[in-house]
Amino acid sequence: RQEAVPVMTPEALGEALEPYRAWMQGRLQLETLSIATLPGALESFREAVRLAPRDALARVGLASALQMQFEVTRAAGRPDPALRDDAVRAAREAVTLDSSSGEAWAALSFALVSAGEISEAAAAARRAVALEPGNWRHQFRLAHASWAEERLRAGHRALELLPDFAFAYSLAAMVHIARRAM
């Protein structure tokens, strides 16, 4: 006996895709690296989390947008620790929802560095790299969370994957400056 295949109506299909549309909109806004798009990115990721509360990537996006918004307040000389704490919380929720996601571990590392939890940040970045070693963002976040040889190796790997990524050079330069090895 054959079982009936469920048919999805166009309306149901649209509803099923809505959280992923919100996530994509947030991702596009976030990747502009423009301060002006951060509020829209935050709104999009919050909507994605509301529509798909068990989706780890929605929380990764939210954590990343919150962390970037925290960095904006920090650069303006008025850091808002609530944004940083919310970023850490969202990233921890993402890891809880999907511990096999390198993106979730990398987002957690990114947020933990700003929270001053460097050992845990480096461990989270190492986990992201172990899960997805070919992702330049994970390599960069490991360089960001680590020091000395580990920073240099991770920065080098990030540059192999994304040549001329200026921030990877700057992290390596910090190590060389500290060593007085110009």
N, C-alpha and C. Protein backbone atom coordinates (compact mmCIF):
# COMPACT_ATOMS: atom_id res chain seq x y z
N ARG A 1 0.84 -1.18 0.00
CA ARG A 1 0.00 0.00 0.00
C ARG A 1 0.88 1.24 0.00
N GLN A 2 0.60 2.16 -0.89
CA GLN A 2 1.35 3.41 -0.96
C GLN A 2 0.74 4.44 -0.02
N GLU A 3 1.64 5.16 0.65
CA GLU A 3 1.16 6.24 1.52
C GLU A 3 1.05 7.52 0.72
N ALA A 4 0.07 8.30 1.07
CA ALA A 4 -0.14 9.58 0.39
C ALA A 4 1.00 10.54 0.73
N VAL A 5 1.47 11.22 -0.27
CA VAL A 5 2.51 12.24 -0.07
C VAL A 5 1.81 13.54 0.26
N PRO A 6 2.20 14.16 1.39
CA PRO A 6 1.54 15.42 1.74
C PRO A 6 1.82 16.50 0.69
N VAL A 7 0.80 17.23 0.36
CA VAL A 7 0.92 18.32 -0.61
C VAL A 7 0.90 19.63 0.15
N MET A 8 1.82 20.51 -0.22
CA MET A 8 1.92 21.80 0.45
C MET A 8 1.25 22.85 -0.44
N THR A 9 0.37 23.59 0.15
CA THR A 9 -0.29 24.67 -0.59
C THR A 9 0.71 25.81 -0.80
N PRO A 10 0.47 26.65 -1.80
CA PRO A 10 1.36 27.80 -1.99
C PRO A 10 1.45 28.68 -0.75
N GLU A 11 0.33 28.82 -0.04
CA GLU A 11 0.34 29.64 1.19
C GLU A 11 1.23 29.01 2.25
N ALA A 12 1.10 27.68 2.42
CA ALA A 12 1.91 26.98 3.42
C ALA A 12 3.39 27.03 3.04
N LEU A 13 3.69 26.93 1.76
CA LEU A 13 5.06 27.01 1.29
C LEU A 13 5.65 28.38 1.64
N GLY A 14 4.87 29.43 1.38
CA GLY A 14 5.34 30.78 1.72
C GLY A 14 5.60 30.94 3.20
N GLU A 15 4.72 30.39 4.02
CA GLU A 15 4.92 30.47 5.48
C GLU A 15 6.15 29.68 5.92
N ALA A 16 6.37 28.53 5.29
CA ALA A 16 7.51 27.69 5.66
C ALA A 16 8.84 28.38 5.31
N LEU A 17 8.83 29.18 4.26
CA LEU A 17 10.06 29.86 3.83
C LEU A 17 10.30 31.19 4.54
N GLU A 18 9.30 31.71 5.20
CA GLU A 18 9.40 33.05 5.81
C GLU A 18 10.58 33.22 6.76
N PRO A 19 10.86 32.27 7.68
CA PRO A 19 12.02 32.48 8.57
C PRO A 19 13.34 32.55 7.80
N TYR A 20 13.44 31.81 6.71
CA TYR A 20 14.67 31.78 5.94
C TYR A 20 14.82 33.04 5.09
N ARG A 21 13.70 33.61 4.68
CA ARG A 21 13.75 34.91 4.00
C ARG A 21 14.24 35.98 4.97
N ALA A 22 13.72 35.94 6.19
CA ALA A 22 14.15 36.92 7.21
C ALA A 22 15.64 36.74 7.51
N TRP A 23 16.09 35.48 7.62
CA TRP A 23 17.50 35.22 7.88
C TRP A 23 18.36 35.76 6.74
N MET A 24 17.96 35.50 5.50
CA MET A 24 18.74 35.96 4.35
C MET A 24 18.80 37.49 4.29
N GLN A 25 17.68 38.13 4.59
CA GLN A 25 17.66 39.59 4.60
C GLN A 25 18.64 40.12 5.65
N GLY A 26 18.61 39.52 6.85
CA GLY A 26 19.54 39.92 7.90
C GLY A 26 20.98 39.69 7.50
N ARG A 27 21.24 38.55 6.88
CA ARG A 27 22.60 38.22 6.46
C ARG A 27 23.12 39.22 5.42
N LEU A 28 22.27 39.55 4.45
CA LEU A 28 22.68 40.52 3.43
C LEU A 28 22.97 41.89 4.05
N GLN A 29 22.14 42.29 5.01
CA GLN A 29 22.37 43.58 5.67
C GLN A 29 23.65 43.54 6.51
N LEU A 30 23.86 42.45 7.21
CA LEU A 30 25.03 42.32 8.08
C LEU A 30 26.32 42.32 7.26
N GLU A 31 26.30 41.65 6.12
CA GLU A 31 27.52 41.52 5.33
C GLU A 31 27.92 42.81 4.61
N THR A 32 27.08 43.82 4.64
CA THR A 32 27.51 45.11 4.09
C THR A 32 28.56 45.75 5.00
N LEU A 33 28.61 45.31 6.26
CA LEU A 33 29.49 45.88 7.28
C LEU A 33 29.23 47.37 7.47
N SER A 34 28.01 47.77 7.20
CA SER A 34 27.62 49.17 7.35
C SER A 34 26.86 49.35 8.67
N ILE A 35 27.26 50.33 9.42
CA ILE A 35 26.57 50.64 10.67
C ILE A 35 25.10 50.95 10.41
N ALA A 36 24.82 51.58 9.28
CA ALA A 36 23.45 51.98 8.96
C ALA A 36 22.52 50.80 8.77
N THR A 37 23.05 49.63 8.38
CA THR A 37 22.18 48.47 8.15
C THR A 37 22.00 47.58 9.38
N LEU A 38 22.76 47.84 10.44
CA LEU A 38 22.67 46.99 11.64
C LEU A 38 21.27 46.92 12.25
N PRO A 39 20.56 48.05 12.41
CA PRO A 39 19.21 47.93 12.98
C PRO A 39 18.29 47.02 12.16
N GLY A 40 18.38 47.12 10.84
CA GLY A 40 17.57 46.26 9.98
C GLY A 40 17.98 44.80 10.10
N ALA A 41 19.29 44.55 10.20
CA ALA A 41 19.77 43.18 10.37
C ALA A 41 19.26 42.59 11.68
N LEU A 42 19.36 43.38 12.75
CA LEU A 42 18.85 42.91 14.04
C LEU A 42 17.36 42.57 13.96
N GLU A 43 16.60 43.44 13.34
CA GLU A 43 15.16 43.20 13.19
C GLU A 43 14.89 41.93 12.39
N SER A 44 15.63 41.74 11.30
CA SER A 44 15.44 40.55 10.47
C SER A 44 15.79 39.27 11.23
N PHE A 45 16.90 39.28 11.96
CA PHE A 45 17.28 38.08 12.70
C PHE A 45 16.32 37.81 13.86
N ARG A 46 15.85 38.86 14.51
CA ARG A 46 14.85 38.65 15.58
C ARG A 46 13.58 38.03 15.00
N GLU A 47 13.19 38.47 13.81
CA GLU A 47 12.02 37.90 13.15
C GLU A 47 12.28 36.43 12.79
N ALA A 48 13.47 36.12 12.30
CA ALA A 48 13.81 34.74 11.97
C ALA A 48 13.74 33.85 13.22
N VAL A 49 14.25 34.35 14.35
CA VAL A 49 14.19 33.59 15.60
C VAL A 49 12.74 33.42 16.05
N ARG A 50 11.94 34.46 15.92
CA ARG A 50 10.53 34.37 16.31
C ARG A 50 9.80 33.32 15.47
N LEU A 51 10.09 33.31 14.16
CA LEU A 51 9.40 32.39 13.26
C LEU A 51 9.94 30.96 13.34
N ALA A 52 11.21 30.82 13.69
CA ALA A 52 11.83 29.49 13.75
C ALA A 52 12.69 29.40 15.02
N PRO A 53 12.05 29.30 16.18
CA PRO A 53 12.80 29.36 17.45
C PRO A 53 13.80 28.22 17.66
N ARG A 54 13.69 27.14 16.91
CA ARG A 54 14.61 26.01 17.07
C ARG A 54 15.70 26.01 15.99
N ASP A 55 15.80 27.08 15.21
CA ASP A 55 16.79 27.16 14.14
C ASP A 55 18.07 27.81 14.66
N ALA A 56 19.15 27.04 14.65
CA ALA A 56 20.42 27.54 15.19
C ALA A 56 20.98 28.70 14.37
N LEU A 57 20.87 28.63 13.04
CA LEU A 57 21.45 29.71 12.22
C LEU A 57 20.75 31.05 12.43
N ALA A 58 19.47 31.03 12.76
CA ALA A 58 18.78 32.29 13.07
C ALA A 58 19.43 32.93 14.30
N ARG A 59 19.77 32.11 15.28
CA ARG A 59 20.42 32.62 16.49
C ARG A 59 21.87 33.02 16.23
N VAL A 60 22.55 32.33 15.32
CA VAL A 60 23.91 32.72 14.94
C VAL A 60 23.86 34.12 14.33
N GLY A 61 22.91 34.34 13.43
CA GLY A 61 22.77 35.66 12.82
C GLY A 61 22.48 36.72 13.85
N LEU A 62 21.57 36.42 14.77
CA LEU A 62 21.24 37.37 15.82
C LEU A 62 22.46 37.67 16.69
N ALA A 63 23.20 36.63 17.06
CA ALA A 63 24.40 36.82 17.89
C ALA A 63 25.41 37.71 17.16
N SER A 64 25.60 37.46 15.89
CA SER A 64 26.57 38.25 15.11
C SER A 64 26.15 39.71 15.01
N ALA A 65 24.87 39.94 14.75
CA ALA A 65 24.38 41.33 14.64
C ALA A 65 24.47 42.05 15.99
N LEU A 66 24.12 41.36 17.06
CA LEU A 66 24.22 41.96 18.40
C LEU A 66 25.68 42.29 18.72
N GLN A 67 26.58 41.37 18.39
CA GLN A 67 28.00 41.61 18.66
C GLN A 67 28.52 42.80 17.86
N MET A 68 28.12 42.89 16.61
CA MET A 68 28.55 44.03 15.81
C MET A 68 27.97 45.34 16.35
N GLN A 69 26.73 45.31 16.82
CA GLN A 69 26.13 46.51 17.41
C GLN A 69 26.87 46.89 18.69
N PHE A 70 27.28 45.89 19.48
CA PHE A 70 28.08 46.17 20.68
C PHE A 70 29.39 46.85 20.28
N GLU A 71 30.04 46.35 19.23
CA GLU A 71 31.30 46.94 18.79
C GLU A 71 31.10 48.40 18.36
N VAL A 72 29.97 48.70 17.77
CA VAL A 72 29.67 50.10 17.38
C VAL A 72 29.60 50.97 18.63
N THR A 73 28.91 50.49 19.68
CA THR A 73 28.80 51.29 20.91
C THR A 73 30.16 51.43 21.59
N ARG A 74 30.96 50.39 21.51
CA ARG A 74 32.30 50.42 22.11
C ARG A 74 33.18 51.42 21.37
N ALA A 75 33.12 51.41 20.06
CA ALA A 75 33.93 52.34 19.26
C ALA A 75 33.51 53.79 19.49
N ALA A 76 32.23 53.99 19.83
CA ALA A 76 31.73 55.34 20.10
C ALA A 76 32.05 55.80 21.52
N GLY A 77 32.71 54.94 22.29
CA GLY A 77 33.09 55.31 23.65
C GLY A 77 31.99 55.11 24.68
N ARG A 78 30.89 54.47 24.28
CA ARG A 78 29.77 54.20 25.20
C ARG A 78 29.35 52.74 25.06
N PRO A 79 30.23 51.81 25.48
CA PRO A 79 29.91 50.39 25.29
C PRO A 79 28.63 50.00 26.03
N ASP A 80 27.80 49.22 25.36
CA ASP A 80 26.54 48.73 25.93
C ASP A 80 26.71 47.24 26.22
N PRO A 81 27.09 46.90 27.46
CA PRO A 81 27.36 45.49 27.78
C PRO A 81 26.13 44.59 27.61
N ALA A 82 24.94 45.15 27.65
CA ALA A 82 23.74 44.33 27.45
C ALA A 82 23.73 43.73 26.05
N LEU A 83 24.19 44.49 25.06
CA LEU A 83 24.27 43.96 23.70
C LEU A 83 25.26 42.80 23.63
N ARG A 84 26.41 42.97 24.25
CA ARG A 84 27.42 41.90 24.28
C ARG A 84 26.88 40.67 24.98
N ASP A 85 26.23 40.87 26.12
CA ASP A 85 25.68 39.74 26.87
C ASP A 85 24.58 39.03 26.09
N ASP A 86 23.76 39.80 25.38
CA ASP A 86 22.72 39.20 24.53
C ASP A 86 23.35 38.41 23.39
N ALA A 87 24.47 38.91 22.85
CA ALA A 87 25.17 38.19 21.78
C ALA A 87 25.70 36.85 22.29
N VAL A 88 26.31 36.87 23.47
CA VAL A 88 26.81 35.62 24.07
C VAL A 88 25.65 34.66 24.30
N ARG A 89 24.56 35.16 24.83
CA ARG A 89 23.40 34.31 25.11
C ARG A 89 22.85 33.68 23.82
N ALA A 90 22.70 34.49 22.78
CA ALA A 90 22.17 33.97 21.50
C ALA A 90 23.12 32.93 20.91
N ALA A 91 24.42 33.18 21.01
CA ALA A 91 25.39 32.22 20.47
C ALA A 91 25.37 30.92 21.27
N ARG A 92 25.26 31.02 22.59
CA ARG A 92 25.16 29.80 23.42
C ARG A 92 23.90 29.02 23.06
N GLU A 93 22.80 29.72 22.81
CA GLU A 93 21.56 29.05 22.41
C GLU A 93 21.74 28.35 21.06
N ALA A 94 22.47 28.99 20.14
CA ALA A 94 22.73 28.38 18.83
C ALA A 94 23.52 27.08 18.99
N VAL A 95 24.56 27.10 19.83
CA VAL A 95 25.36 25.90 20.06
C VAL A 95 24.50 24.81 20.72
N THR A 96 23.63 25.20 21.62
CA THR A 96 22.75 24.24 22.27
C THR A 96 21.80 23.60 21.26
N LEU A 97 21.30 24.41 20.34
CA LEU A 97 20.38 23.90 19.32
C LEU A 97 21.08 23.02 18.30
N ASP A 98 22.34 23.31 17.96
CA ASP A 98 23.07 22.53 16.97
C ASP A 98 24.56 22.55 17.28
N SER A 99 25.00 21.60 18.08
CA SER A 99 26.41 21.55 18.48
C SER A 99 27.32 21.09 17.34
N SER A 100 26.75 20.70 16.20
CA SER A 100 27.57 20.31 15.05
C SER A 100 27.78 21.47 14.08
N SER A 101 27.30 22.66 14.44
CA SER A 101 27.41 23.83 13.58
C SER A 101 28.69 24.61 13.87
N GLY A 102 29.60 24.62 12.91
CA GLY A 102 30.80 25.44 13.07
C GLY A 102 30.46 26.91 13.18
N GLU A 103 29.42 27.35 12.46
CA GLU A 103 28.99 28.75 12.53
C GLU A 103 28.57 29.12 13.95
N ALA A 104 27.86 28.21 14.63
CA ALA A 104 27.41 28.49 16.00
C ALA A 104 28.62 28.64 16.94
N TRP A 105 29.58 27.71 16.83
CA TRP A 105 30.77 27.79 17.69
C TRP A 105 31.59 29.04 17.39
N ALA A 106 31.70 29.40 16.11
CA ALA A 106 32.47 30.59 15.74
C ALA A 106 31.79 31.86 16.26
N ALA A 107 30.46 31.91 16.17
CA ALA A 107 29.74 33.07 16.70
C ALA A 107 29.94 33.18 18.21
N LEU A 108 29.94 32.04 18.88
CA LEU A 108 30.18 32.05 20.33
C LEU A 108 31.58 32.57 20.63
N SER A 109 32.57 32.13 19.88
CA SER A 109 33.93 32.61 20.08
C SER A 109 34.01 34.12 19.90
N PHE A 110 33.41 34.62 18.83
CA PHE A 110 33.41 36.05 18.52
C PHE A 110 32.85 36.86 19.69
N ALA A 111 31.74 36.42 20.25
CA ALA A 111 31.11 37.15 21.35
C ALA A 111 31.91 37.02 22.64
N LEU A 112 32.47 35.84 22.89
CA LEU A 112 33.20 35.62 24.14
C LEU A 112 34.49 36.43 24.23
N VAL A 113 35.12 36.70 23.10
CA VAL A 113 36.33 37.54 23.13
C VAL A 113 35.99 38.90 23.74
N SER A 114 34.90 39.51 23.29
CA SER A 114 34.51 40.82 23.82
C SER A 114 34.09 40.76 25.28
N ALA A 115 33.61 39.59 25.70
CA ALA A 115 33.21 39.41 27.10
C ALA A 115 34.42 39.13 27.99
N GLY A 116 35.61 39.04 27.40
CA GLY A 116 36.82 38.80 28.19
C GLY A 116 37.01 37.35 28.56
N GLU A 117 36.22 36.46 28.00
CA GLU A 117 36.33 35.02 28.29
C GLU A 117 37.20 34.37 27.21
N ILE A 118 38.48 34.71 27.25
CA ILE A 118 39.40 34.36 26.17
C ILE A 118 39.64 32.86 26.06
N SER A 119 39.83 32.17 27.17
CA SER A 119 40.08 30.72 27.10
C SER A 119 38.89 30.00 26.50
N GLU A 120 37.69 30.36 26.94
CA GLU A 120 36.49 29.73 26.39
C GLU A 120 36.29 30.14 24.92
N ALA A 121 36.63 31.38 24.60
CA ALA A 121 36.51 31.84 23.21
C ALA A 121 37.43 31.04 22.30
N ALA A 122 38.67 30.83 22.73
CA ALA A 122 39.62 30.05 21.93
C ALA A 122 39.14 28.61 21.78
N ALA A 123 38.61 28.03 22.86
CA ALA A 123 38.10 26.66 22.78
C ALA A 123 36.93 26.57 21.80
N ALA A 124 36.04 27.55 21.83
CA ALA A 124 34.90 27.56 20.90
C ALA A 124 35.38 27.71 19.46
N ALA A 125 36.39 28.56 19.24
CA ALA A 125 36.93 28.73 17.89
C ALA A 125 37.63 27.46 17.42
N ARG A 126 38.34 26.79 18.32
CA ARG A 126 38.97 25.52 17.95
C ARG A 126 37.92 24.49 17.54
N ARG A 127 36.80 24.48 18.24
CA ARG A 127 35.70 23.55 17.90
C ARG A 127 35.15 23.90 16.52
N ALA A 128 34.96 25.18 16.23
CA ALA A 128 34.46 25.60 14.92
C ALA A 128 35.41 25.14 13.82
N VAL A 129 36.71 25.31 14.04
CA VAL A 129 37.71 24.91 13.05
C VAL A 129 37.72 23.38 12.89
N ALA A 130 37.58 22.66 13.99
CA ALA A 130 37.55 21.19 13.91
C ALA A 130 36.35 20.72 13.07
N LEU A 131 35.23 21.40 13.21
CA LEU A 131 34.03 21.03 12.47
C LEU A 131 34.10 21.45 11.01
N GLU A 132 34.68 22.62 10.73
CA GLU A 132 34.71 23.17 9.37
C GLU A 132 36.06 23.83 9.12
N PRO A 133 37.12 23.02 8.92
CA PRO A 133 38.47 23.59 8.81
C PRO A 133 38.67 24.47 7.57
N GLY A 134 37.85 24.34 6.56
CA GLY A 134 38.02 25.13 5.35
C GLY A 134 37.27 26.45 5.35
N ASN A 135 36.76 26.87 6.49
CA ASN A 135 36.01 28.12 6.57
C ASN A 135 36.94 29.22 7.07
N TRP A 136 37.19 30.22 6.25
CA TRP A 136 38.12 31.29 6.62
C TRP A 136 37.66 32.05 7.86
N ARG A 137 36.33 32.21 8.03
CA ARG A 137 35.83 32.95 9.20
C ARG A 137 36.20 32.23 10.49
N HIS A 138 36.12 30.91 10.49
CA HIS A 138 36.47 30.16 11.70
C HIS A 138 37.96 30.28 12.00
N GLN A 139 38.77 30.21 10.95
CA GLN A 139 40.22 30.36 11.14
C GLN A 139 40.54 31.76 11.69
N PHE A 140 39.87 32.76 11.14
CA PHE A 140 40.11 34.14 11.61
C PHE A 140 39.67 34.28 13.06
N ARG A 141 38.54 33.72 13.42
CA ARG A 141 38.08 33.84 14.81
C ARG A 141 38.99 33.10 15.76
N LEU A 142 39.58 32.00 15.31
CA LEU A 142 40.58 31.33 16.14
C LEU A 142 41.80 32.23 16.32
N ALA A 143 42.24 32.87 15.26
CA ALA A 143 43.36 33.81 15.39
C ALA A 143 42.99 34.95 16.34
N HIS A 144 41.78 35.44 16.23
CA HIS A 144 41.31 36.54 17.07
C HIS A 144 41.28 36.15 18.55
N ALA A 145 40.95 34.89 18.84
CA ALA A 145 40.78 34.45 20.22
C ALA A 145 42.06 33.87 20.82
N SER A 146 43.10 33.69 20.01
CA SER A 146 44.31 33.04 20.51
C SER A 146 45.50 33.99 20.45
N TRP A 147 46.67 33.46 20.76
CA TRP A 147 47.87 34.28 20.79
C TRP A 147 49.05 33.45 20.32
N ALA A 148 50.13 34.11 20.04
CA ALA A 148 51.42 33.52 19.70
C ALA A 148 51.31 32.61 18.47
N GLU A 149 51.92 31.42 18.55
CA GLU A 149 51.97 30.54 17.39
C GLU A 149 50.58 30.14 16.89
N GLU A 150 49.65 29.91 17.80
CA GLU A 150 48.30 29.53 17.37
C GLU A 150 47.66 30.65 16.56
N ARG A 151 47.86 31.88 17.01
CA ARG A 151 47.32 33.03 16.26
C ARG A 151 47.97 33.12 14.88
N LEU A 152 49.27 32.96 14.83
CA LEU A 152 49.97 33.05 13.54
C LEU A 152 49.52 31.94 12.59
N ARG A 153 49.40 30.71 13.10
CA ARG A 153 48.97 29.59 12.24
C ARG A 153 47.54 29.81 11.73
N ALA A 154 46.64 30.18 12.63
CA ALA A 154 45.24 30.39 12.23
C ALA A 154 45.11 31.57 11.27
N GLY A 155 45.86 32.63 11.52
CA GLY A 155 45.84 33.77 10.62
C GLY A 155 46.37 33.39 9.24
N HIS A 156 47.42 32.58 9.21
CA HIS A 156 47.97 32.11 7.94
C HIS A 156 46.95 31.26 7.19
N ARG A 157 46.25 30.37 7.91
CA ARG A 157 45.22 29.54 7.27
C ARG A 157 44.08 30.41 6.74
N ALA A 158 43.70 31.43 7.49
CA ALA A 158 42.64 32.34 7.02
C ALA A 158 43.08 33.02 5.73
N LEU A 159 44.34 33.41 5.66
CA LEU A 159 44.86 34.07 4.45
C LEU A 159 44.97 33.09 3.27
N GLU A 160 45.25 31.84 3.55
CA GLU A 160 45.25 30.84 2.47
C GLU A 160 43.86 30.72 1.85
N LEU A 161 42.84 30.82 2.72
CA LEU A 161 41.46 30.66 2.27
C LEU A 161 40.87 31.95 1.70
N LEU A 162 41.34 33.09 2.21
CA LEU A 162 40.86 34.39 1.74
C LEU A 162 42.07 35.33 1.64
N PRO A 163 42.81 35.22 0.55
CA PRO A 163 44.03 36.04 0.41
C PRO A 163 43.74 37.54 0.55
N ASP A 164 44.70 38.23 1.10
CA ASP A 164 44.64 39.69 1.26
C ASP A 164 43.59 40.15 2.26
N PHE A 165 43.16 39.28 3.16
CA PHE A 165 42.21 39.69 4.21
C PHE A 165 42.99 40.49 5.25
N ALA A 166 42.83 41.80 5.21
CA ALA A 166 43.66 42.72 5.99
C ALA A 166 43.63 42.44 7.49
N PHE A 167 42.49 42.07 8.02
CA PHE A 167 42.41 41.85 9.47
C PHE A 167 43.28 40.68 9.92
N ALA A 168 43.43 39.68 9.08
CA ALA A 168 44.31 38.55 9.43
C ALA A 168 45.75 39.03 9.53
N TYR A 169 46.16 39.92 8.64
CA TYR A 169 47.51 40.49 8.72
C TYR A 169 47.68 41.28 10.01
N SER A 170 46.65 42.03 10.39
CA SER A 170 46.79 42.85 11.60
C SER A 170 46.93 42.00 12.85
N LEU A 171 46.24 40.87 12.90
CA LEU A 171 46.39 39.98 14.07
C LEU A 171 47.80 39.40 14.14
N ALA A 172 48.33 39.01 13.00
CA ALA A 172 49.70 38.49 12.97
C ALA A 172 50.69 39.59 13.36
N ALA A 173 50.45 40.80 12.88
CA ALA A 173 51.34 41.92 13.21
C ALA A 173 51.41 42.14 14.71
N MET A 174 50.30 41.96 15.41
CA MET A 174 50.30 42.15 16.87
C MET A 174 51.30 41.20 17.53
N VAL A 175 51.35 39.96 17.07
CA VAL A 175 52.27 38.98 17.64
C VAL A 175 53.71 39.42 17.35
N HIS A 176 53.96 39.79 16.11
CA HIS A 176 55.33 40.20 15.74
C HIS A 176 55.77 41.46 16.48
N ILE A 177 54.87 42.40 16.67
CA ILE A 177 55.19 43.61 17.44
C ILE A 177 55.49 43.27 18.89
N ALA A 178 54.68 42.39 19.49
CA ALA A 178 54.91 41.99 20.87
C ALA A 178 56.26 41.30 21.03
N ARG A 179 56.65 40.58 20.01
CA ARG A 179 57.95 39.87 20.03
C ARG A 179 59.11 40.78 19.61
N ARG A 180 58.77 41.98 19.20
CA ARG A 180 59.77 42.93 18.66
C ARG A 180 60.50 42.32 17.46
N ALA A 181 59.71 41.61 16.65
CA ALA A 181 60.26 40.94 15.46
C ALA A 181 59.67 41.61 14.23
N MET A 182 60.14 42.81 13.95
CA MET A 182 59.57 43.58 12.85
C MET A 182 60.10 43.09 11.53
